[in-house]
Structures are given as C-alpha cells and as structure tokens.
C-alpha atoms as a PDB file:
ATOM      1  CA  MET A   1      24.823  10.414  27.345  1.00  0.00           C
ATOM      2  CA  THR A   2      27.489  13.023  28.096  1.00  0.00           C
ATOM      3  CA  ALA A   3      28.007  16.220  26.080  1.00  0.00           C
ATOM      4  CA  SER A   4      31.306  14.917  24.681  1.00  0.00           C
ATOM      5  CA  GLN A   5      29.647  11.683  23.568  1.00  0.00           C
ATOM      6  CA  TYR A   6      26.865  13.622  21.849  1.00  0.00           C
ATOM      7  CA  LEU A   7      29.331  15.769  19.928  1.00  0.00           C
ATOM      8  CA  ARG A   8      31.122  12.770  18.466  1.00  0.00           C
ATOM      9  CA  LEU A   9      28.010  10.895  17.364  1.00  0.00           C
ATOM     10  CA  PRO A  10      27.684  10.321  13.622  1.00  0.00           C
ATOM     11  CA  ARG A  11      24.885  12.304  12.032  1.00  0.00           C
ATOM     12  CA  LEU A  12      24.480   9.672   9.323  1.00  0.00           C
ATOM     13  CA  ILE A  13      24.931   5.893   9.479  1.00  0.00           C
ATOM     14  CA  ALA A  14      25.094   4.082   6.134  1.00  0.00           C
ATOM     15  CA  THR A  15      25.283   0.323   5.916  1.00  0.00           C
ATOM     16  CA  ASP A  16      25.286  -2.436   3.369  1.00  0.00           C
ATOM     17  CA  LEU A  17      22.864  -5.269   4.066  1.00  0.00           C
ATOM     18  CA  ASP A  18      23.890  -8.774   2.952  1.00  0.00           C
ATOM     19  CA  GLY A  19      27.149  -9.839   4.533  1.00  0.00           C
ATOM     20  CA  THR A  20      27.172  -6.737   6.745  1.00  0.00           C
ATOM     21  CA  LEU A  21      23.972  -5.917   8.637  1.00  0.00           C
ATOM     22  CA  VAL A  22      22.241  -9.162   7.640  1.00  0.00           C
ATOM     23  CA  ARG A  23      23.393 -12.481   9.061  1.00  0.00           C
ATOM     24  CA  SER A  24      24.399 -15.380   6.836  1.00  0.00           C
ATOM     25  CA  ASP A  25      21.010 -17.020   7.390  1.00  0.00           C
ATOM     26  CA  GLY A  26      19.278 -13.976   5.891  1.00  0.00           C
ATOM     27  CA  THR A  27      17.991 -12.539   9.171  1.00  0.00           C
ATOM     28  CA  ILE A  28      18.586  -9.325  11.078  1.00  0.00           C
ATOM     29  CA  SER A  29      18.961 -10.031  14.771  1.00  0.00           C
ATOM     30  CA  ASP A  30      16.882  -8.399  17.492  1.00  0.00           C
ATOM     31  CA  ARG A  31      20.105  -6.945  18.843  1.00  0.00           C
ATOM     32  CA  THR A  32      20.847  -5.220  15.548  1.00  0.00           C
ATOM     33  CA  ARG A  33      17.306  -3.900  15.189  1.00  0.00           C
ATOM     34  CA  SER A  34      17.457  -2.470  18.699  1.00  0.00           C
ATOM     35  CA  ALA A  35      20.824  -0.811  18.043  1.00  0.00           C
ATOM     36  CA  VAL A  36      19.595   0.753  14.811  1.00  0.00           C
ATOM     37  CA  LEU A  37      16.416   2.074  16.391  1.00  0.00           C
ATOM     38  CA  ALA A  38      18.371   3.455  19.354  1.00  0.00           C
ATOM     39  CA  ALA A  39      20.711   5.331  17.019  1.00  0.00           C
ATOM     40  CA  GLN A  40      17.731   6.821  15.187  1.00  0.00           C
ATOM     41  CA  HIS A  41      16.109   7.783  18.485  1.00  0.00           C
ATOM     42  CA  ALA A  42      19.338   9.596  19.411  1.00  0.00           C
ATOM     43  CA  GLY A  43      19.012  11.697  16.261  1.00  0.00           C
ATOM     44  CA  SER A  44      21.213   9.968  13.694  1.00  0.00           C
ATOM     45  CA  VAL A  45      19.957   9.323  10.175  1.00  0.00           C
ATOM     46  CA  PHE A  46      20.200   5.631   9.290  1.00  0.00           C
ATOM     47  CA  VAL A  47      20.157   4.541   5.652  1.00  0.00           C
ATOM     48  CA  MET A  48      20.459   1.106   4.086  1.00  0.00           C
ATOM     49  CA  VAL A  49      22.669   1.124   0.982  1.00  0.00           C
ATOM     50  CA  THR A  50      22.453  -2.167  -0.844  1.00  0.00           C
ATOM     51  CA  ALA A  51      22.788  -4.071  -4.107  1.00  0.00           C
ATOM     52  CA  ARG A  52      19.340  -5.551  -3.466  1.00  0.00           C
ATOM     53  CA  PRO A  53      16.483  -4.695  -5.825  1.00  0.00           C
ATOM     54  CA  PRO A  54      13.579  -2.669  -4.402  1.00  0.00           C
ATOM     55  CA  ARG A  55      11.324  -5.668  -3.752  1.00  0.00           C
ATOM     56  CA  TRP A  56      13.852  -7.093  -1.273  1.00  0.00           C
ATOM     57  CA  LEU A  57      13.516  -4.082   1.052  1.00  0.00           C
ATOM     58  CA  HIS A  58       9.838  -4.309   1.897  1.00  0.00           C
ATOM     59  CA  ASP A  59      10.346  -6.575   4.913  1.00  0.00           C
ATOM     60  CA  LEU A  60      12.779  -4.030   6.392  1.00  0.00           C
ATOM     61  CA  SER A  61      10.469  -1.021   6.355  1.00  0.00           C
ATOM     62  CA  ASP A  62      10.656  -0.767  10.156  1.00  0.00           C
ATOM     63  CA  LEU A  63      14.322   0.244   9.880  1.00  0.00           C
ATOM     64  CA  VAL A  64      14.112   3.082   7.353  1.00  0.00           C
ATOM     65  CA  GLY A  65      13.309   5.793   9.877  1.00  0.00           C
ATOM     66  CA  ASP A  66      11.394   9.025   9.296  1.00  0.00           C
ATOM     67  CA  HIS A  67      12.925   9.625   5.863  1.00  0.00           C
ATOM     68  CA  GLY A  68      11.468   6.316   4.663  1.00  0.00           C
ATOM     69  CA  VAL A  69      13.992   5.585   1.920  1.00  0.00           C
ATOM     70  CA  ALA A  70      16.822   3.207   1.049  1.00  0.00           C
ATOM     71  CA  ILE A  71      19.501   3.276  -1.627  1.00  0.00           C
ATOM     72  CA  VAL A  72      19.162   0.123  -3.710  1.00  0.00           C
ATOM     73  CA  ALA A  73      20.553  -1.550  -6.845  1.00  0.00           C
ATOM     74  CA  ASN A  74      24.097  -0.409  -6.013  1.00  0.00           C
ATOM     75  CA  GLY A  75      23.081   3.238  -6.033  1.00  0.00           C
ATOM     76  CA  ALA A  76      20.964   3.226  -9.179  1.00  0.00           C
ATOM     77  CA  ILE A  77      17.713   3.810  -7.284  1.00  0.00           C
ATOM     78  CA  LEU A  78      16.687   5.970  -4.340  1.00  0.00           C
ATOM     79  CA  TYR A  79      13.639   4.052  -3.175  1.00  0.00           C
ATOM     80  CA  ASP A  80      10.725   4.983  -0.929  1.00  0.00           C
ATOM     81  CA  VAL A  81      10.336   1.706   0.953  1.00  0.00           C
ATOM     82  CA  VAL A  82       7.070   2.639   2.631  1.00  0.00           C
ATOM     83  CA  ARG A  83       5.317   3.875  -0.524  1.00  0.00           C
ATOM     84  CA  ARG A  84       7.085   1.272  -2.704  1.00  0.00           C
ATOM     85  CA  LYS A  85       8.068   3.873  -5.243  1.00  0.00           C
ATOM     86  CA  ALA A  86      11.332   4.877  -6.938  1.00  0.00           C
ATOM     87  CA  ILE A  87      12.154   8.499  -6.142  1.00  0.00           C
ATOM     88  CA  ARG A  88      15.251   8.881  -8.279  1.00  0.00           C
ATOM     89  CA  THR A  89      16.891   6.561 -10.785  1.00  0.00           C
ATOM     90  CA  ARG A  90      20.184   6.412 -12.667  1.00  0.00           C
ATOM     91  CA  LEU A  91      19.691   3.764 -15.302  1.00  0.00           C
ATOM     92  CA  ILE A  92      21.802   2.202 -18.038  1.00  0.00           C
ATOM     93  CA  ASP A  93      21.002   3.440 -21.528  1.00  0.00           C
ATOM     94  CA  PRO A  94      19.600   0.461 -23.494  1.00  0.00           C
ATOM     95  CA  ALA A  95      21.979   0.908 -26.438  1.00  0.00           C
ATOM     96  CA  VAL A  96      25.004   1.039 -24.141  1.00  0.00           C
ATOM     97  CA  ALA A  97      23.786  -1.945 -22.115  1.00  0.00           C
ATOM     98  CA  LEU A  98      23.267  -4.081 -25.199  1.00  0.00           C
ATOM     99  CA  GLU A  99      26.650  -3.112 -26.621  1.00  0.00           C
ATOM    100  CA  VAL A 100      28.275  -4.080 -23.323  1.00  0.00           C
ATOM    101  CA  ALA A 101      26.373  -7.369 -23.071  1.00  0.00           C
ATOM    102  CA  GLN A 102      27.343  -8.363 -26.586  1.00  0.00           C
ATOM    103  CA  ALA A 103      30.988  -7.515 -25.906  1.00  0.00           C
ATOM    104  CA  ILE A 104      31.001  -9.593 -22.733  1.00  0.00           C
ATOM    105  CA  ARG A 105      29.406 -12.579 -24.465  1.00  0.00           C
ATOM    106  CA  ALA A 106      31.899 -12.361 -27.326  1.00  0.00           C
ATOM    107  CA  GLU A 107      34.727 -12.559 -24.759  1.00  0.00           C
ATOM    108  CA  ILE A 108      33.031 -15.065 -22.390  1.00  0.00           C
ATOM    109  CA  PRO A 109      30.428 -17.040 -24.390  1.00  0.00           C
ATOM    110  CA  GLU A 110      29.174 -19.109 -21.452  1.00  0.00           C
ATOM    111  CA  VAL A 111      27.752 -16.170 -19.439  1.00  0.00           C
ATOM    112  CA  GLU A 112      24.018 -15.574 -19.023  1.00  0.00           C
ATOM    113  CA  PHE A 113      22.316 -12.248 -18.324  1.00  0.00           C
ATOM    114  CA  ALA A 114      19.552 -10.878 -16.145  1.00  0.00           C
ATOM    115  CA  ILE A 115      18.329  -7.356 -15.448  1.00  0.00           C
ATOM    116  CA  GLU A 116      16.769  -5.396 -12.626  1.00  0.00           C
ATOM    117  CA  ARG A 117      14.483  -2.451 -13.277  1.00  0.00           C
ATOM    118  CA  SER A 118      12.847  -0.387 -10.578  1.00  0.00           C
ATOM    119  CA  ASP A 119       9.623  -2.346 -11.025  1.00  0.00           C
ATOM    120  CA  ARG A 120      10.538  -5.599 -12.798  1.00  0.00           C
ATOM    121  CA  TYR A 121      13.075  -8.408 -12.934  1.00  0.00           C
ATOM    122  CA  GLY A 122      14.054 -10.152 -16.164  1.00  0.00           C
ATOM    123  CA  GLN A 123      16.403 -12.945 -17.238  1.00  0.00           C
ATOM    124  CA  GLU A 124      17.505 -15.023 -20.176  1.00  0.00           C
ATOM    125  CA  PRO A 125      15.883 -18.476 -20.309  1.00  0.00           C
ATOM    126  CA  ASN A 126      19.054 -20.306 -19.214  1.00  0.00           C
ATOM    127  CA  TYR A 127      20.064 -17.888 -16.466  1.00  0.00           C
ATOM    128  CA  VAL A 128      20.501 -19.812 -13.193  1.00  0.00           C
ATOM    129  CA  ASN A 129      18.739 -17.774 -10.547  1.00  0.00           C
ATOM    130  CA  ARG A 130      19.762 -18.419  -6.935  1.00  0.00           C
ATOM    131  CA  TRP A 131      16.390 -17.215  -5.685  1.00  0.00           C
ATOM    132  CA  PRO A 132      12.779 -17.906  -6.707  1.00  0.00           C
ATOM    133  CA  VAL A 133      11.916 -16.026  -9.883  1.00  0.00           C
ATOM    134  CA  PRO A 134       9.453 -13.272  -8.929  1.00  0.00           C
ATOM    135  CA  ASP A 135       5.948 -13.144 -10.329  1.00  0.00           C
ATOM    136  CA  GLY A 136       5.737 -11.211 -13.553  1.00  0.00           C
ATOM    137  CA  ALA A 137       9.381 -11.723 -14.435  1.00  0.00           C
ATOM    138  CA  LEU A 138      10.379 -11.131 -18.038  1.00  0.00           C
ATOM    139  CA  VAL A 139      12.072 -14.214 -19.514  1.00  0.00           C
ATOM    140  CA  ALA A 140      13.536 -13.364 -22.892  1.00  0.00           C
ATOM    141  CA  ALA A 141      16.678 -12.917 -24.971  1.00  0.00           C
ATOM    142  CA  VAL A 142      19.091 -10.232 -23.846  1.00  0.00           C
ATOM    143  CA  GLU A 143      18.060  -7.985 -26.737  1.00  0.00           C
ATOM    144  CA  VAL A 144      14.530  -7.911 -25.305  1.00  0.00           C
ATOM    145  CA  LEU A 145      15.692  -7.545 -21.706  1.00  0.00           C
ATOM    146  CA  LEU A 146      17.688  -4.477 -22.658  1.00  0.00           C
ATOM    147  CA  SER A 147      15.058  -2.836 -24.820  1.00  0.00           C
ATOM    148  CA  GLU A 148      14.343  -0.472 -21.894  1.00  0.00           C
ATOM    149  CA  PRO A 149      16.679   1.224 -19.382  1.00  0.00           C
ATOM    150  CA  ALA A 150      17.835  -1.070 -16.569  1.00  0.00           C
ATOM    151  CA  ALA A 151      19.091  -0.358 -13.071  1.00  0.00           C
ATOM    152  CA  LYS A 152      21.466  -3.320 -13.197  1.00  0.00           C
ATOM    153  CA  LEU A 153      22.711  -5.815 -15.744  1.00  0.00           C
ATOM    154  CA  LEU A 154      23.605  -9.082 -14.021  1.00  0.00           C
ATOM    155  CA  VAL A 155      26.302 -11.292 -15.530  1.00  0.00           C
ATOM    156  CA  ARG A 156      26.481 -14.869 -14.246  1.00  0.00           C
ATOM    157  CA  HIS A 157      29.117 -17.475 -15.059  1.00  0.00           C
ATOM    158  CA  PRO A 158      28.489 -21.172 -14.384  1.00  0.00           C
ATOM    159  CA  SER A 159      31.692 -21.716 -12.398  1.00  0.00           C
ATOM    160  CA  TRP A 160      34.009 -18.713 -12.039  1.00  0.00           C
ATOM    161  CA  HIS A 161      34.307 -16.945  -8.699  1.00  0.00           C
ATOM    162  CA  SER A 162      32.975 -13.389  -8.782  1.00  0.00           C
ATOM    163  CA  ASP A 163      36.516 -12.004  -8.384  1.00  0.00           C
ATOM    164  CA  GLU A 164      37.701 -13.879 -11.474  1.00  0.00           C
ATOM    165  CA  LEU A 165      34.614 -12.949 -13.459  1.00  0.00           C
ATOM    166  CA  LEU A 166      35.001  -9.272 -12.570  1.00  0.00           C
ATOM    167  CA  ALA A 167      38.659  -9.364 -13.555  1.00  0.00           C
ATOM    168  CA  ARG A 168      37.627 -10.633 -17.003  1.00  0.00           C
ATOM    169  CA  VAL A 169      34.578  -8.376 -17.429  1.00  0.00           C
ATOM    170  CA  ALA A 170      36.088  -5.073 -16.279  1.00  0.00           C
ATOM    171  CA  PRO A 171      38.554  -4.601 -19.159  1.00  0.00           C
ATOM    172  CA  VAL A 172      35.868  -5.568 -21.679  1.00  0.00           C
ATOM    173  CA  VAL A 173      33.400  -2.919 -20.518  1.00  0.00           C
ATOM    174  CA  GLY A 174      35.959  -0.226 -19.743  1.00  0.00           C
ATOM    175  CA  THR A 175      34.431   3.092 -18.711  1.00  0.00           C
ATOM    176  CA  ARG A 176      31.183   2.621 -20.611  1.00  0.00           C
ATOM    177  CA  VAL A 177      29.560   1.282 -17.437  1.00  0.00           C
ATOM    178  CA  THR A 178      30.447   0.518 -13.817  1.00  0.00           C
ATOM    179  CA  ALA A 179      31.202  -3.151 -13.046  1.00  0.00           C
ATOM    180  CA  SER A 180      31.509  -4.572  -9.553  1.00  0.00           C
ATOM    181  CA  HIS A 181      30.276  -7.418  -7.384  1.00  0.00           C
ATOM    182  CA  SER A 182      28.579  -7.714  -4.025  1.00  0.00           C
ATOM    183  CA  GLY A 183      29.837 -11.146  -3.057  1.00  0.00           C
ATOM    184  CA  GLY A 184      27.178 -13.042  -4.977  1.00  0.00           C
ATOM    185  CA  THR A 185      28.126 -16.449  -6.339  1.00  0.00           C
ATOM    186  CA  ASN A 186      29.643 -16.342  -9.855  1.00  0.00           C
ATOM    187  CA  LEU A 187      28.057 -12.926 -10.378  1.00  0.00           C
ATOM    188  CA  VAL A 188      29.096  -9.483 -11.623  1.00  0.00           C
ATOM    189  CA  GLU A 189      26.744  -6.507 -11.442  1.00  0.00           C
ATOM    190  CA  ILE A 190      26.851  -3.694 -13.992  1.00  0.00           C
ATOM    191  CA  SER A 191      25.433  -0.198 -13.485  1.00  0.00           C
ATOM    192  CA  ALA A 192      25.459   2.978 -15.549  1.00  0.00           C
ATOM    193  CA  ASN A 193      28.758   4.810 -15.728  1.00  0.00           C
ATOM    194  CA  GLY A 194      29.279   6.871 -12.577  1.00  0.00           C
ATOM    195  CA  VAL A 195      26.675   5.010 -10.555  1.00  0.00           C
ATOM    196  CA  SER A 196      27.817   3.755  -7.169  1.00  0.00           C
ATOM    197  CA  LYS A 197      26.562   3.498  -3.638  1.00  0.00           C
ATOM    198  CA  ALA A 198      28.722   6.508  -2.798  1.00  0.00           C
ATOM    199  CA  ALA A 199      27.305   8.770  -5.496  1.00  0.00           C
ATOM    200  CA  MET A 200      23.674   8.331  -4.450  1.00  0.00           C
ATOM    201  CA  LEU A 201      24.620   8.401  -0.759  1.00  0.00           C
ATOM    202  CA  ALA A 202      26.469  11.707  -1.179  1.00  0.00           C
ATOM    203  CA  ASP A 203      23.381  13.231  -2.778  1.00  0.00           C
ATOM    204  CA  PHE A 204      21.125  11.857  -0.042  1.00  0.00           C
ATOM    205  CA  ALA A 205      23.432  13.152   2.705  1.00  0.00           C
ATOM    206  CA  ALA A 206      23.618  16.602   1.124  1.00  0.00           C
ATOM    207  CA  GLU A 207      19.814  16.756   1.048  1.00  0.00           C
ATOM    208  CA  GLN A 208      19.868  16.014   4.784  1.00  0.00           C
ATOM    209  CA  GLY A 209      22.468  18.745   5.359  1.00  0.00           C
ATOM    210  CA  ILE A 210      25.059  16.169   6.412  1.00  0.00           C
ATOM    211  CA  SER A 211      28.688  16.014   5.279  1.00  0.00           C
ATOM    212  CA  ALA A 212      30.853  12.959   4.643  1.00  0.00           C
ATOM    213  CA  ALA A 213      32.925  13.864   7.699  1.00  0.00           C
ATOM    214  CA  GLU A 214      29.805  13.515   9.860  1.00  0.00           C
ATOM    215  CA  SER A 215      29.003  10.055   8.457  1.00  0.00           C
ATOM    216  CA  ILE A 216      30.043   6.480   9.126  1.00  0.00           C
ATOM    217  CA  ALA A 217      29.629   3.530   6.757  1.00  0.00           C
ATOM    218  CA  PHE A 218      29.736  -0.255   7.043  1.00  0.00           C
ATOM    219  CA  GLY A 219      30.426  -2.772   4.277  1.00  0.00           C
ATOM    220  CA  ASP A 220      31.855  -6.110   3.280  1.00  0.00           C
ATOM    221  CA  SER A 221      32.329  -6.333  -0.495  1.00  0.00           C
ATOM    222  CA  LEU A 222      33.833  -4.606  -3.526  1.00  0.00           C
ATOM    223  CA  ASN A 223      30.700  -2.651  -4.387  1.00  0.00           C
ATOM    224  CA  ASP A 224      30.980  -1.027  -0.943  1.00  0.00           C
ATOM    225  CA  LEU A 225      34.452   0.430  -1.566  1.00  0.00           C
ATOM    226  CA  PRO A 226      33.307   3.810  -2.970  1.00  0.00           C
ATOM    227  CA  MET A 227      30.877   4.292  -0.069  1.00  0.00           C
ATOM    228  CA  LEU A 228      33.523   3.368   2.473  1.00  0.00           C
ATOM    229  CA  ALA A 229      35.968   5.808   0.879  1.00  0.00           C
ATOM    230  CA  TRP A 230      33.339   8.581   0.984  1.00  0.00           C
ATOM    231  CA  ALA A 231      32.423   8.272   4.651  1.00  0.00           C
ATOM    232  CA  GLY A 232      34.334  10.106   7.352  1.00  0.00           C
ATOM    233  CA  THR A 233      34.811   6.813   9.192  1.00  0.00           C
ATOM    234  CA  SER A 234      34.594   3.435   7.476  1.00  0.00           C
ATOM    235  CA  TYR A 235      34.037   0.032   9.065  1.00  0.00           C
ATOM    236  CA  GLY A 236      34.558  -3.365   7.506  1.00  0.00           C
ATOM    237  CA  VAL A 237      32.983  -6.404   9.118  1.00  0.00           C
ATOM    238  CA  ALA A 238      35.497  -9.119   9.958  1.00  0.00           C
ATOM    239  CA  ASN A 239      34.098 -11.396   7.238  1.00  0.00           C
ATOM    240  CA  ALA A 240      34.635  -8.735   4.538  1.00  0.00           C
ATOM    241  CA  HIS A 241      36.511  -9.168   1.264  1.00  0.00           C
ATOM    242  CA  PRO A 242      40.286  -8.732   1.758  1.00  0.00           C
ATOM    243  CA  ASP A 243      40.251  -5.622  -0.436  1.00  0.00           C
ATOM    244  CA  VAL A 244      37.742  -4.042   1.952  1.00  0.00           C
ATOM    245  CA  LEU A 245      39.680  -4.958   5.078  1.00  0.00           C
ATOM    246  CA  ALA A 246      42.805  -3.445   3.535  1.00  0.00           C
ATOM    247  CA  VAL A 247      41.341   0.058   3.262  1.00  0.00           C
ATOM    248  CA  VAL A 248      38.744   0.611   6.012  1.00  0.00           C
ATOM    249  CA  ASP A 249      39.476   2.757   9.032  1.00  0.00           C
ATOM    250  CA  LYS A 250      38.238   0.138  11.470  1.00  0.00           C
ATOM    251  CA  VAL A 251      37.289  -3.547  11.536  1.00  0.00           C
ATOM    252  CA  CYS A 252      34.277  -4.635  13.579  1.00  0.00           C
ATOM    253  CA  PRO A 253      32.951  -8.118  14.383  1.00  0.00           C
ATOM    254  CA  ALA A 254      31.522 -10.241  11.578  1.00  0.00           C
ATOM    255  CA  ASN A 255      27.945  -9.998  10.367  1.00  0.00           C
ATOM    256  CA  ASP A 256      27.044 -13.208  12.201  1.00  0.00           C
ATOM    257  CA  GLU A 257      28.368 -11.597  15.393  1.00  0.00           C
ATOM    258  CA  ASP A 258      26.271  -8.437  14.969  1.00  0.00           C
ATOM    259  CA  GLY A 259      29.273  -6.267  14.174  1.00  0.00           C
ATOM    260  CA  VAL A 260      27.265  -3.211  13.155  1.00  0.00           C
ATOM    261  CA  ALA A 261      25.242  -3.434  16.354  1.00  0.00           C
ATOM    262  CA  ALA A 262      28.419  -3.709  18.440  1.00  0.00           C
ATOM    263  CA  VAL A 263      29.728  -0.437  16.980  1.00  0.00           C
ATOM    264  CA  LEU A 264      26.417   1.378  17.366  1.00  0.00           C
ATOM    265  CA  GLU A 265      26.033   0.203  20.960  1.00  0.00           C
ATOM    266  CA  GLU A 266      29.481   1.573  21.749  1.00  0.00           C
ATOM    267  CA  LEU A 267      28.839   4.898  20.030  1.00  0.00           C
ATOM    268  CA  PHE A 268      25.364   5.432  21.455  1.00  0.00           C
ATOM    269  CA  ARG A 269      25.825   4.039  24.956  1.00  0.00           C
ATOM    270  CA  SER A 270      24.128   6.208  27.556  1.00  0.00           C
END
C-alpha cells in the first residue's frame, strides 16, 4: 500500500446489514468477510449499524473487531456483541410510546404492534411475525408491552407497503418520536425522539477520536439516511431505496453482488 493510499483510507467504516452487507438469502459472503477483516487489519474501525435487535448480532461476532460493539435497534442501543450486554440505551418513554400507539391505532385501526427491548421481544397476540417468535417473548396487549421503556415500537399493517404506512404514520406521531422503516414488509419502526443510526454513530466515532469527514457509510433504506448524511462519504448499494440513491455520494454494486466488499477491496488494495 502506497503512502498516498494510506492517507486516503477511511478511519471508520459504518454499514447497515440487511439489504446492504447481508445478501438477500440472509448470508454474508466469504468475500465480504475477507474484505471487512482486511480493512480492520489495515487499521480502520468497522462498525455494524443496523435495525436488528441485539439477539440477531450474535452470529456476526467475528466481524465486530477489537472494540466488540455494534449499533442496533436503529441507534437505540450500543451493544457489546461479545459480552451480550447493552452498553448504552436511548429508549422510548412508556407514556409517550403508549400515547403514540393509541394515536396510530385510532387513525389506522388494522395495525398491530410489537416491541423490542434490549433483552426481550414482545408482540400483540395477532401481530404477524415474519420470523420465529423468540423464546421468552412477551405476548400481550399493547398497554402491557409498553409498560416499560422500549428500544423500538414496531407497527405492522396487513397489506400496505412500508412507504405508504410510513407516510400515514409520520404525521400522526409528529415529533414525539422518530418514525422510519428499514425495508421490512408492511412495517414501520418507531424510536425515541432524536434517536437515529447517525446519532449513536456520531457518539461512537467521537469516542474513537474519529470525525465524520474520516468516515464512510453504506446503506440501502430510509432509516440509513441520517447515517449516510453524517458520513464524509456515503455509498448506496444499487438495490437501495430510490430516496437513498438520490442523495448518496456514490453507488456501489448491489448487496447480492457484494457491493460493500467491492468498495473495500478498491480502497484497501495493496
């Protein structure tokens, strides 16, 4: 690696997972793993920044690097993947969450709710979960689900696309909370006001002594927009939401074509 190449290397690499680093079949390719590990070996800090709950990061512990953490639940939790422990949380106040849920249901009666906490998942009895319900899940009315602070309130509609659902939910909740979606089917995700991938990432980067200008970020969906705006250089995978492709600095190959790996290989080539 030449001196000029070293000087232009990003000090921090932040990437979304599903739809970005992860292929459509749910796997991370050997090529991508190798590219990530090579970037870390060259001295860059790599951090996964995802809407996933903590329990969905445990199989990726080999990618977290020396710092050992990931940003999960759309920025609500800084999570120690190795120790399986939340380090920092920014949760929705129960009273605010319940007020918001009731307002959404009054406007859109057919929605169902679920919640993610740092250590537990919960859902209403009729909530249609796209994944197996984890052991120990709380199945109860929304008033019970929101009796404690939550990292995320999940709003699912039986048929509306996530874009349409978000367009209907956003004006109902206003600035009381942050509403977005990560490309999930018929799903909107709600976090505490001010919570975003970018907010937690900025704090993490500052703790590492790294500025936004020294960082690059990859994403594919609407919940990635704040993170992409924060980073000095932003990349959207070719399969990204049109709103992402309209604002990123660069477009890389799709997730199923190992787009993140292609960029990292180019940046870190010897």
